C-alpha atoms as a PDB file:
ATOM      1  CA  MET A   1      -7.335  64.300  42.259  1.00  0.00           C
ATOM      2  CA  ASN A   2      -6.745  62.199  45.382  1.00  0.00           C
ATOM      3  CA  ILE A   3      -4.787  59.713  43.337  1.00  0.00           C
ATOM      4  CA  LYS A   4      -2.481  62.461  42.108  1.00  0.00           C
ATOM      5  CA  ILE A   5      -1.919  63.739  45.661  1.00  0.00           C
ATOM      6  CA  ILE A   6      -1.073  60.225  46.847  1.00  0.00           C
ATOM      7  CA  LYS A   7       1.358  59.797  43.966  1.00  0.00           C
ATOM      8  CA  VAL A   8       3.047  63.095  44.760  1.00  0.00           C
ATOM      9  CA  LYS A   9       3.381  62.146  48.447  1.00  0.00           C
ATOM     10  CA  MET A  10       4.784  58.728  47.574  1.00  0.00           C
ATOM     11  CA  SER A  11       7.287  60.207  45.133  1.00  0.00           C
ATOM     12  CA  SER A  12       8.406  62.866  47.627  1.00  0.00           C
ATOM     13  CA  LYS A  13       8.892  60.239  50.322  1.00  0.00           C
ATOM     14  CA  THR A  14      10.825  58.056  47.929  1.00  0.00           C
ATOM     15  CA  GLU A  15      12.968  60.994  46.841  1.00  0.00           C
ATOM     16  CA  SER A  16      13.791  61.855  50.435  1.00  0.00           C
ATOM     17  CA  ALA A  17      14.674  58.231  51.139  1.00  0.00           C
ATOM     18  CA  MET A  18      16.980  58.184  48.105  1.00  0.00           C
ATOM     19  CA  ARG A  19      18.613  61.438  49.270  1.00  0.00           C
ATOM     20  CA  GLU A  20      19.175  59.957  52.731  1.00  0.00           C
ATOM     21  CA  ASP A  21      20.742  56.821  51.171  1.00  0.00           C
ATOM     22  CA  THR A  22      23.029  58.967  49.026  1.00  0.00           C
ATOM     23  CA  LEU A  23      24.082  61.165  51.965  1.00  0.00           C
ATOM     24  CA  THR A  24      24.727  58.144  54.173  1.00  0.00           C
ATOM     25  CA  SER A  25      26.795  56.390  51.503  1.00  0.00           C
ATOM     26  CA  SER A  26      28.807  59.529  50.714  1.00  0.00           C
ATOM     27  CA  LYS A  27      29.477  60.173  54.413  1.00  0.00           C
ATOM     28  CA  SER A  28      30.677  56.612  54.959  1.00  0.00           C
ATOM     29  CA  LEU A  29      32.918  56.833  51.898  1.00  0.00           C
ATOM     30  CA  HIS A  30      34.396  60.178  53.063  1.00  0.00           C
ATOM     31  CA  VAL A  31      35.077  58.739  56.530  1.00  0.00           C
ATOM     32  CA  GLU A  32      36.674  55.638  55.039  1.00  0.00           C
ATOM     33  CA  ASP A  33      38.846  57.672  52.653  1.00  0.00           C
ATOM     34  CA  ALA A  34      39.875  60.050  55.455  1.00  0.00           C
ATOM     35  CA  LEU A  35      40.937  57.186  57.690  1.00  0.00           C
ATOM     36  CA  TRP A  36      42.758  55.568  54.779  1.00  0.00           C
ATOM     37  CA  ARG A  37      44.709  58.770  54.071  1.00  0.00           C
ATOM     38  CA  ARG A  38      45.619  59.300  57.705  1.00  0.00           C
ATOM     39  CA  ILE A  39      47.487  56.027  57.974  1.00  0.00           C
ATOM     40  CA  PRO A  40      49.747  55.779  54.882  1.00  0.00           C
ATOM     41  CA  ARG A  41      52.351  53.767  56.758  1.00  0.00           C
ATOM     42  CA  GLN A  42      49.783  51.254  57.957  1.00  0.00           C
ATOM     43  CA  ARG A  43      48.412  51.068  54.417  1.00  0.00           C
ATOM     44  CA  TRP A  44      51.782  50.153  52.951  1.00  0.00           C
ATOM     45  CA  PHE A  45      52.311  47.671  55.761  1.00  0.00           C
ATOM     46  CA  VAL A  46      49.018  45.975  54.906  1.00  0.00           C
ATOM     47  CA  LEU A  47      49.857  45.885  51.198  1.00  0.00           C
ATOM     48  CA  LEU A  48      53.324  44.424  51.733  1.00  0.00           C
ATOM     49  CA  THR A  49      52.368  41.890  54.404  1.00  0.00           C
ATOM     50  CA  GLY A  50      51.073  39.364  51.867  1.00  0.00           C
ATOM     51  CA  PRO A  51      54.183  39.268  49.628  1.00  0.00           C
ATOM     52  CA  PHE A  52      56.553  39.152  52.613  1.00  0.00           C
ATOM     53  CA  LEU A  53      54.513  36.354  54.182  1.00  0.00           C
ATOM     54  CA  LEU A  54      54.633  34.384  50.933  1.00  0.00           C
ATOM     55  CA  ILE A  55      58.416  34.753  50.671  1.00  0.00           C
ATOM     56  CA  PHE A  56      58.854  33.882  54.358  1.00  0.00           C
ATOM     57  CA  VAL A  57      56.810  30.673  54.135  1.00  0.00           C
ATOM     58  CA  TRP A  58      58.668  29.762  50.946  1.00  0.00           C
ATOM     59  CA  TRP A  59      62.029  30.366  52.662  1.00  0.00           C
ATOM     60  CA  VAL A  60      61.016  28.276  55.698  1.00  0.00           C
ATOM     61  CA  ALA A  61      59.964  25.387  53.453  1.00  0.00           C
ATOM     62  CA  TYR A  62      63.265  25.639  51.560  1.00  0.00           C
ATOM     63  CA  TYR A  63      65.578  26.195  54.550  1.00  0.00           C
ATOM     64  CA  PHE A  64      64.166  23.370  56.680  1.00  0.00           C
ATOM     65  CA  ALA A  65      63.864  21.047  53.671  1.00  0.00           C
ATOM     66  CA  LEU A  66      60.120  20.632  54.124  1.00  0.00           C
ATOM     67  CA  VAL A  67      60.012  20.122  50.366  1.00  0.00           C
ATOM     68  CA  ASP A  68      62.597  18.272  48.297  1.00  0.00           C
ATOM     69  CA  GLU A  69      65.338  20.741  47.341  1.00  0.00           C
ATOM     70  CA  ASN A  70      65.217  19.377  43.797  1.00  0.00           C
ATOM     71  CA  LEU A  71      61.626  20.590  43.543  1.00  0.00           C
ATOM     72  CA  LEU A  72      61.757  23.893  45.427  1.00  0.00           C
ATOM     73  CA  PRO A  73      64.561  26.412  44.754  1.00  0.00           C
ATOM     74  CA  SER A  74      65.566  29.223  47.086  1.00  0.00           C
ATOM     75  CA  PRO A  75      63.130  32.165  46.956  1.00  0.00           C
ATOM     76  CA  PHE A  76      66.028  34.621  46.812  1.00  0.00           C
ATOM     77  CA  ALA A  77      67.681  32.795  43.911  1.00  0.00           C
ATOM     78  CA  THR A  78      64.324  32.732  42.143  1.00  0.00           C
ATOM     79  CA  LEU A  79      63.766  36.455  42.685  1.00  0.00           C
ATOM     80  CA  ALA A  80      67.302  37.243  41.510  1.00  0.00           C
ATOM     81  CA  ASP A  81      66.882  35.150  38.352  1.00  0.00           C
ATOM     82  CA  THR A  82      63.458  36.684  37.689  1.00  0.00           C
ATOM     83  CA  SER A  83      64.832  40.204  38.107  1.00  0.00           C
ATOM     84  CA  ILE A  84      67.566  39.477  35.575  1.00  0.00           C
ATOM     85  CA  ASN A  85      65.037  38.078  33.106  1.00  0.00           C
ATOM     86  CA  ILE A  86      62.833  41.140  33.532  1.00  0.00           C
ATOM     87  CA  VAL A  87      65.716  43.599  33.122  1.00  0.00           C
ATOM     88  CA  THR A  88      67.062  41.861  30.026  1.00  0.00           C
ATOM     89  CA  GLY A  89      63.582  41.929  28.506  1.00  0.00           C
ATOM     90  CA  ASN A  90      63.420  38.175  28.079  1.00  0.00           C
ATOM     91  CA  MET A  91      60.485  37.660  30.407  1.00  0.00           C
ATOM     92  CA  MET A  92      58.795  40.965  29.646  1.00  0.00           C
ATOM     93  CA  ALA A  93      58.246  39.887  26.037  1.00  0.00           C
ATOM     94  CA  ASP A  94      56.294  36.837  27.214  1.00  0.00           C
ATOM     95  CA  PHE A  95      54.482  39.023  29.740  1.00  0.00           C
ATOM     96  CA  TRP A  96      53.219  41.357  27.006  1.00  0.00           C
ATOM     97  CA  TYR A  97      52.213  38.499  24.692  1.00  0.00           C
ATOM     98  CA  THR A  98      50.025  37.050  27.443  1.00  0.00           C
ATOM     99  CA  LEU A  99      48.637  40.434  28.480  1.00  0.00           C
ATOM    100  CA  VAL A 100      47.640  41.293  24.900  1.00  0.00           C
ATOM    101  CA  ARG A 101      45.828  37.971  24.490  1.00  0.00           C
ATOM    102  CA  VAL A 102      43.995  38.510  27.766  1.00  0.00           C
ATOM    103  CA  PHE A 103      43.083  42.043  26.681  1.00  0.00           C
ATOM    104  CA  TYR A 104      41.610  40.894  23.364  1.00  0.00           C
ATOM    105  CA  ALA A 105      39.682  38.051  24.992  1.00  0.00           C
ATOM    106  CA  PHE A 106      38.291  40.340  27.674  1.00  0.00           C
ATOM    107  CA  ILE A 107      37.292  43.129  25.270  1.00  0.00           C
ATOM    108  CA  ILE A 108      35.433  40.696  23.004  1.00  0.00           C
ATOM    109  CA  ALA A 109      33.660  39.159  25.998  1.00  0.00           C
ATOM    110  CA  ALA A 110      32.701  42.556  27.458  1.00  0.00           C
ATOM    111  CA  ILE A 111      31.435  44.015  24.167  1.00  0.00           C
ATOM    112  CA  PHE A 112      29.029  41.128  23.659  1.00  0.00           C
ATOM    113  CA  GLY A 113      28.463  40.013  27.245  1.00  0.00           C
ATOM    114  CA  VAL A 114      27.269  43.237  28.892  1.00  0.00           C
ATOM    115  CA  PRO A 115      24.482  44.167  26.414  1.00  0.00           C
ATOM    116  CA  ILE A 116      23.302  40.559  26.050  1.00  0.00           C
ATOM    117  CA  GLY A 117      23.224  40.145  29.827  1.00  0.00           C
ATOM    118  CA  ILE A 118      21.223  43.366  30.244  1.00  0.00           C
ATOM    119  CA  VAL A 119      18.723  42.284  27.570  1.00  0.00           C
ATOM    120  CA  LEU A 120      18.295  38.827  29.111  1.00  0.00           C
ATOM    121  CA  GLY A 121      17.969  40.246  32.619  1.00  0.00           C
ATOM    122  CA  SER A 122      15.288  42.732  31.582  1.00  0.00           C
ATOM    123  CA  SER A 123      12.844  39.861  31.052  1.00  0.00           C
ATOM    124  CA  GLN A 124      12.473  37.002  33.533  1.00  0.00           C
ATOM    125  CA  ARG A 125      10.819  34.840  30.886  1.00  0.00           C
ATOM    126  CA  LEU A 126      13.581  35.506  28.362  1.00  0.00           C
ATOM    127  CA  TYR A 127      16.313  34.738  30.888  1.00  0.00           C
ATOM    128  CA  ARG A 128      14.631  31.498  31.975  1.00  0.00           C
ATOM    129  CA  SER A 129      14.562  30.441  28.325  1.00  0.00           C
ATOM    130  CA  PHE A 130      18.356  30.720  28.091  1.00  0.00           C
ATOM    131  CA  GLU A 131      19.186  29.859  31.703  1.00  0.00           C
ATOM    132  CA  PHE A 132      20.030  26.212  31.010  1.00  0.00           C
ATOM    133  CA  ILE A 133      22.414  27.065  28.160  1.00  0.00           C
ATOM    134  CA  ILE A 134      24.186  29.755  30.208  1.00  0.00           C
ATOM    135  CA  ASP A 135      24.525  27.611  33.333  1.00  0.00           C
ATOM    136  CA  PHE A 136      25.511  24.518  31.351  1.00  0.00           C
ATOM    137  CA  PHE A 137      28.460  26.135  29.584  1.00  0.00           C
ATOM    138  CA  ARG A 138      29.331  28.263  32.637  1.00  0.00           C
ATOM    139  CA  SER A 139      29.654  25.059  34.670  1.00  0.00           C
ATOM    140  CA  THR A 140      31.704  23.319  31.979  1.00  0.00           C
ATOM    141  CA  PRO A 141      35.484  23.774  32.473  1.00  0.00           C
ATOM    142  CA  ALA A 142      36.878  25.968  29.721  1.00  0.00           C
ATOM    143  CA  THR A 143      39.763  23.536  29.258  1.00  0.00           C
ATOM    144  CA  ALA A 144      37.235  20.893  28.180  1.00  0.00           C
ATOM    145  CA  MET A 145      36.312  23.188  25.272  1.00  0.00           C
ATOM    146  CA  PHE A 146      39.888  23.285  23.904  1.00  0.00           C
ATOM    147  CA  PRO A 147      39.432  20.415  21.398  1.00  0.00           C
ATOM    148  CA  LEU A 148      36.291  22.019  19.986  1.00  0.00           C
ATOM    149  CA  PHE A 149      37.922  25.417  19.520  1.00  0.00           C
ATOM    150  CA  LEU A 150      41.014  23.786  18.031  1.00  0.00           C
ATOM    151  CA  LEU A 151      38.838  22.087  15.423  1.00  0.00           C
ATOM    152  CA  LEU A 152      37.017  25.336  14.677  1.00  0.00           C
ATOM    153  CA  PHE A 153      39.916  27.811  14.666  1.00  0.00           C
ATOM    154  CA  GLY A 154      43.139  25.803  14.434  1.00  0.00           C
ATOM    155  CA  LEU A 155      46.363  26.211  16.421  1.00  0.00           C
ATOM    156  CA  GLY A 156      46.803  29.963  16.051  1.00  0.00           C
ATOM    157  CA  ASP A 157      46.291  32.762  18.526  1.00  0.00           C
ATOM    158  CA  PHE A 158      42.652  33.122  17.554  1.00  0.00           C
ATOM    159  CA  SER A 159      41.694  29.767  19.100  1.00  0.00           C
ATOM    160  CA  LYS A 160      43.308  30.764  22.419  1.00  0.00           C
ATOM    161  CA  ILE A 161      41.573  34.139  22.434  1.00  0.00           C
ATOM    162  CA  ALA A 162      38.263  32.596  21.341  1.00  0.00           C
ATOM    163  CA  VAL A 163      38.086  30.008  24.131  1.00  0.00           C
ATOM    164  CA  ALA A 164      39.142  32.594  26.739  1.00  0.00           C
ATOM    165  CA  SER A 165      36.599  35.146  25.518  1.00  0.00           C
ATOM    166  CA  PHE A 166      33.879  32.465  25.518  1.00  0.00           C
ATOM    167  CA  ALA A 167      34.575  31.592  29.166  1.00  0.00           C
ATOM    168  CA  ALA A 168      34.702  35.283  30.163  1.00  0.00           C
ATOM    169  CA  PHE A 169      31.577  36.037  28.111  1.00  0.00           C
ATOM    170  CA  LEU A 170      29.456  33.585  30.123  1.00  0.00           C
ATOM    171  CA  VAL A 171      30.598  35.132  33.423  1.00  0.00           C
ATOM    172  CA  ILE A 172      29.763  38.643  32.230  1.00  0.00           C
ATOM    173  CA  VAL A 173      26.354  37.641  30.856  1.00  0.00           C
ATOM    174  CA  PHE A 174      25.389  35.941  34.114  1.00  0.00           C
ATOM    175  CA  ASN A 175      26.432  38.849  36.338  1.00  0.00           C
ATOM    176  CA  SER A 176      24.936  41.542  34.095  1.00  0.00           C
ATOM    177  CA  ALA A 177      21.607  39.696  33.899  1.00  0.00           C
ATOM    178  CA  TYR A 178      21.650  39.095  37.648  1.00  0.00           C
ATOM    179  CA  GLY A 179      22.256  42.798  38.257  1.00  0.00           C
ATOM    180  CA  VAL A 180      19.270  43.797  36.122  1.00  0.00           C
ATOM    181  CA  MET A 181      16.955  41.254  37.746  1.00  0.00           C
ATOM    182  CA  ASN A 182      17.920  42.477  41.212  1.00  0.00           C
ATOM    183  CA  THR A 183      17.351  46.154  40.529  1.00  0.00           C
ATOM    184  CA  ARG A 184      15.579  47.790  43.482  1.00  0.00           C
ATOM    185  CA  GLN A 185      11.904  47.995  42.621  1.00  0.00           C
ATOM    186  CA  THR A 186      11.392  50.998  44.899  1.00  0.00           C
ATOM    187  CA  ARG A 187      13.586  53.147  42.673  1.00  0.00           C
ATOM    188  CA  ILE A 188      11.833  51.957  39.524  1.00  0.00           C
ATOM    189  CA  LEU A 189       8.457  52.747  41.096  1.00  0.00           C
ATOM    190  CA  ALA A 190       9.732  56.160  42.135  1.00  0.00           C
ATOM    191  CA  ALA A 191      10.823  56.907  38.573  1.00  0.00           C
ATOM    192  CA  ARG A 192       7.475  55.736  37.207  1.00  0.00           C
ATOM    193  CA  SER A 193       5.583  57.894  39.673  1.00  0.00           C
ATOM    194  CA  MET A 194       7.520  60.873  38.351  1.00  0.00           C
ATOM    195  CA  GLY A 195       6.347  60.083  34.835  1.00  0.00           C
ATOM    196  CA  ALA A 196       9.632  58.711  33.477  1.00  0.00           C
ATOM    197  CA  SER A 197       9.451  56.699  30.269  1.00  0.00           C
ATOM    198  CA  ARG A 198      10.728  53.124  29.967  1.00  0.00           C
ATOM    199  CA  PHE A 199      13.837  54.363  28.189  1.00  0.00           C
ATOM    200  CA  ARG A 200      14.585  56.924  30.923  1.00  0.00           C
ATOM    201  CA  ILE A 201      13.968  54.305  33.625  1.00  0.00           C
ATOM    202  CA  PHE A 202      16.428  51.975  31.923  1.00  0.00           C
ATOM    203  CA  VAL A 203      19.102  54.652  31.407  1.00  0.00           C
ATOM    204  CA  ASP A 204      18.752  56.502  34.734  1.00  0.00           C
ATOM    205  CA  VAL A 205      17.821  53.661  37.092  1.00  0.00           C
ATOM    206  CA  ILE A 206      18.323  50.125  35.795  1.00  0.00           C
ATOM    207  CA  PHE A 207      21.650  50.783  34.060  1.00  0.00           C
ATOM    208  CA  PHE A 208      23.260  52.388  37.110  1.00  0.00           C
ATOM    209  CA  GLU A 209      21.777  49.804  39.463  1.00  0.00           C
ATOM    210  CA  THR A 210      23.303  47.094  37.266  1.00  0.00           C
ATOM    211  CA  LEU A 211      26.824  48.555  37.208  1.00  0.00           C
ATOM    212  CA  PRO A 212      28.062  47.188  40.588  1.00  0.00           C
ATOM    213  CA  GLN A 213      27.127  43.612  39.700  1.00  0.00           C
ATOM    214  CA  THR A 214      28.401  44.098  36.146  1.00  0.00           C
ATOM    215  CA  PHE A 215      31.797  45.195  37.470  1.00  0.00           C
ATOM    216  CA  ILE A 216      31.933  42.079  39.638  1.00  0.00           C
ATOM    217  CA  GLY A 217      31.385  40.110  36.460  1.00  0.00           C
ATOM    218  CA  LEU A 218      34.091  42.067  34.641  1.00  0.00           C
ATOM    219  CA  ARG A 219      36.637  41.481  37.418  1.00  0.00           C
ATOM    220  CA  THR A 220      35.825  37.777  37.497  1.00  0.00           C
ATOM    221  CA  ALA A 221      35.890  37.591  33.711  1.00  0.00           C
ATOM    222  CA  VAL A 222      39.364  39.117  33.342  1.00  0.00           C
ATOM    223  CA  SER A 223      40.709  36.623  35.892  1.00  0.00           C
ATOM    224  CA  MET A 224      38.975  33.801  34.024  1.00  0.00           C
ATOM    225  CA  ALA A 225      40.442  35.017  30.725  1.00  0.00           C
ATOM    226  CA  LEU A 226      43.948  35.050  32.237  1.00  0.00           C
ATOM    227  CA  VAL A 227      43.611  31.496  33.565  1.00  0.00           C
ATOM    228  CA  VAL A 228      42.352  30.151  30.232  1.00  0.00           C
ATOM    229  CA  ILE A 229      45.014  32.008  28.231  1.00  0.00           C
ATOM    230  CA  ILE A 230      47.809  30.659  30.460  1.00  0.00           C
ATOM    231  CA  VAL A 231      46.554  27.071  30.113  1.00  0.00           C
ATOM    232  CA  ALA A 232      46.053  27.547  26.368  1.00  0.00           C
ATOM    233  CA  GLU A 233      49.630  28.822  26.000  1.00  0.00           C
ATOM    234  CA  MET A 234      50.822  25.692  27.771  1.00  0.00           C
ATOM    235  CA  PHE A 235      49.042  23.140  25.618  1.00  0.00           C
ATOM    236  CA  ILE A 236      47.824  24.726  22.351  1.00  0.00           C
ATOM    237  CA  GLY A 237      51.007  25.118  20.366  1.00  0.00           C
ATOM    238  CA  ALA A 238      52.118  28.530  21.640  1.00  0.00           C
ATOM    239  CA  GLN A 239      55.659  29.739  20.975  1.00  0.00           C
ATOM    240  CA  ASP A 240      55.534  32.604  23.444  1.00  0.00           C
ATOM    241  CA  GLY A 241      53.659  33.862  26.499  1.00  0.00           C
ATOM    242  CA  LEU A 242      53.980  33.140  30.210  1.00  0.00           C
ATOM    243  CA  GLY A 243      52.094  29.855  29.955  1.00  0.00           C
ATOM    244  CA  HIS A 244      54.537  28.589  27.326  1.00  0.00           C
ATOM    245  CA  ARG A 245      57.435  29.857  29.417  1.00  0.00           C
ATOM    246  CA  ILE A 246      56.207  27.996  32.519  1.00  0.00           C
ATOM    247  CA  ILE A 247      55.744  24.658  30.761  1.00  0.00           C
ATOM    248  CA  ASP A 248      59.018  25.065  28.830  1.00  0.00           C
ATOM    249  CA  ALA A 249      60.922  25.761  32.066  1.00  0.00           C
ATOM    250  CA  GLN A 250      59.302  22.730  33.685  1.00  0.00           C
ATOM    251  CA  ILE A 251      60.324  20.466  30.803  1.00  0.00           C
ATOM    252  CA  SER A 252      63.908  21.783  30.819  1.00  0.00           C
ATOM    253  CA  TYR A 253      63.986  21.606  34.642  1.00  0.00           C
ATOM    254  CA  ASN A 254      64.768  25.305  35.006  1.00  0.00           C
ATOM    255  CA  LEU A 255      63.059  25.662  38.377  1.00  0.00           C
ATOM    256  CA  THR A 256      63.961  29.284  39.103  1.00  0.00           C
ATOM    257  CA  ASP A 257      62.550  30.353  35.742  1.00  0.00           C
ATOM    258  CA  MET A 258      59.428  28.237  36.264  1.00  0.00           C
ATOM    259  CA  TYR A 259      58.695  29.626  39.725  1.00  0.00           C
ATOM    260  CA  GLY A 260      59.587  33.145  38.613  1.00  0.00           C
ATOM    261  CA  SER A 261      57.169  32.918  35.680  1.00  0.00           C
ATOM    262  CA  ILE A 262      54.454  31.711  38.044  1.00  0.00           C
ATOM    263  CA  LEU A 263      55.116  34.702  40.321  1.00  0.00           C
ATOM    264  CA  VAL A 264      54.934  37.117  37.395  1.00  0.00           C
ATOM    265  CA  THR A 265      51.683  35.509  36.231  1.00  0.00           C
ATOM    266  CA  GLY A 266      50.229  35.894  39.718  1.00  0.00           C
ATOM    267  CA  ALA A 267      51.361  39.525  39.801  1.00  0.00           C
ATOM    268  CA  MET A 268      49.603  40.120  36.480  1.00  0.00           C
ATOM    269  CA  GLY A 269      46.350  38.634  37.776  1.00  0.00           C
ATOM    270  CA  TYR A 270      46.586  40.621  41.005  1.00  0.00           C
ATOM    271  CA  GLY A 271      47.320  43.826  39.108  1.00  0.00           C
ATOM    272  CA  LEU A 272      44.323  43.363  36.792  1.00  0.00           C
ATOM    273  CA  ASN A 273      42.063  42.734  39.781  1.00  0.00           C
ATOM    274  CA  VAL A 274      43.322  45.846  41.593  1.00  0.00           C
ATOM    275  CA  PHE A 275      42.904  47.888  38.400  1.00  0.00           C
ATOM    276  CA  PHE A 276      39.212  47.023  38.196  1.00  0.00           C
ATOM    277  CA  LEU A 277      38.749  47.525  41.926  1.00  0.00           C
ATOM    278  CA  VAL A 278      40.141  51.056  41.656  1.00  0.00           C
ATOM    279  CA  ILE A 279      37.831  51.861  38.737  1.00  0.00           C
ATOM    280  CA  GLU A 280      34.880  50.391  40.585  1.00  0.00           C
ATOM    281  CA  ARG A 281      35.643  52.319  43.781  1.00  0.00           C
ATOM    282  CA  ASN A 282      35.954  55.638  41.960  1.00  0.00           C
ATOM    283  CA  LEU A 283      33.114  55.316  39.461  1.00  0.00           C
ATOM    284  CA  ILE A 284      30.567  53.243  41.353  1.00  0.00           C
ATOM    285  CA  HIS A 285      30.643  54.857  44.787  1.00  0.00           C
ATOM    286  CA  TRP A 286      27.020  53.865  45.488  1.00  0.00           C
ATOM    287  CA  SER A 287      27.785  50.133  45.289  1.00  0.00           C
ATOM    288  CA  GLY A 288      26.060  48.184  48.049  1.00  0.00           C
ATOM    289  CA  LYS A 289      24.135  51.233  49.283  1.00  0.00           C
END
């Protein structure tokens, strides 16, 4: 009887602590969002500062000949040429080819990486058994795996997507497993004290505790997939894509097209990162709380 009373007291205290954490996190989020809405002009200023600073530094380097003019074109000429290529659809075709490859690589990596990472993270012994393999390939540059994937899958699109998904897969597995292993034990104990089954503990506690770290892995993985796809398009027999466009412009000494393609590639990577940040901010509001 005493044991039951103690359990009830512990669970009630834990519940109240969880409620306080939730209220505190929601209040801080509401305050942050309110401040963010009050200063729309400052927000746009912050967002545009980076691009303007990049163009300004580029212009200074070009105008004062800090870099050989044969190696660095005018930023305004580059932007004008890039705008024309985008409007005519020439560059947008390569943009979509690259984006589709990144999408396929990321989806394959996420479908396999998240559940495998959760399974490995649920058991310390199981994770330690595979830790060397995960860390070994995660530490190996993906570009070093190109010859192997070329031998296995040939010169087609599948080899590019396969090597990119493999690199992204390892990042997702590591972060998902890490998220499970670092689940707050107090919340698991609270669920157990309330009589929750292992399945309910996994679904209601572990899964949601894992999501913030999993989303970090997903954001990192999509950036990794983009990098690998761009390099693969440069050197693995691609006939289209931004990577092919960059290397082709470099060979033909079309500097404005080369720099413009690099800018568009950077914009793609930035956009993908912001996309996942927005999803994370709206769906995982308890992150870090």
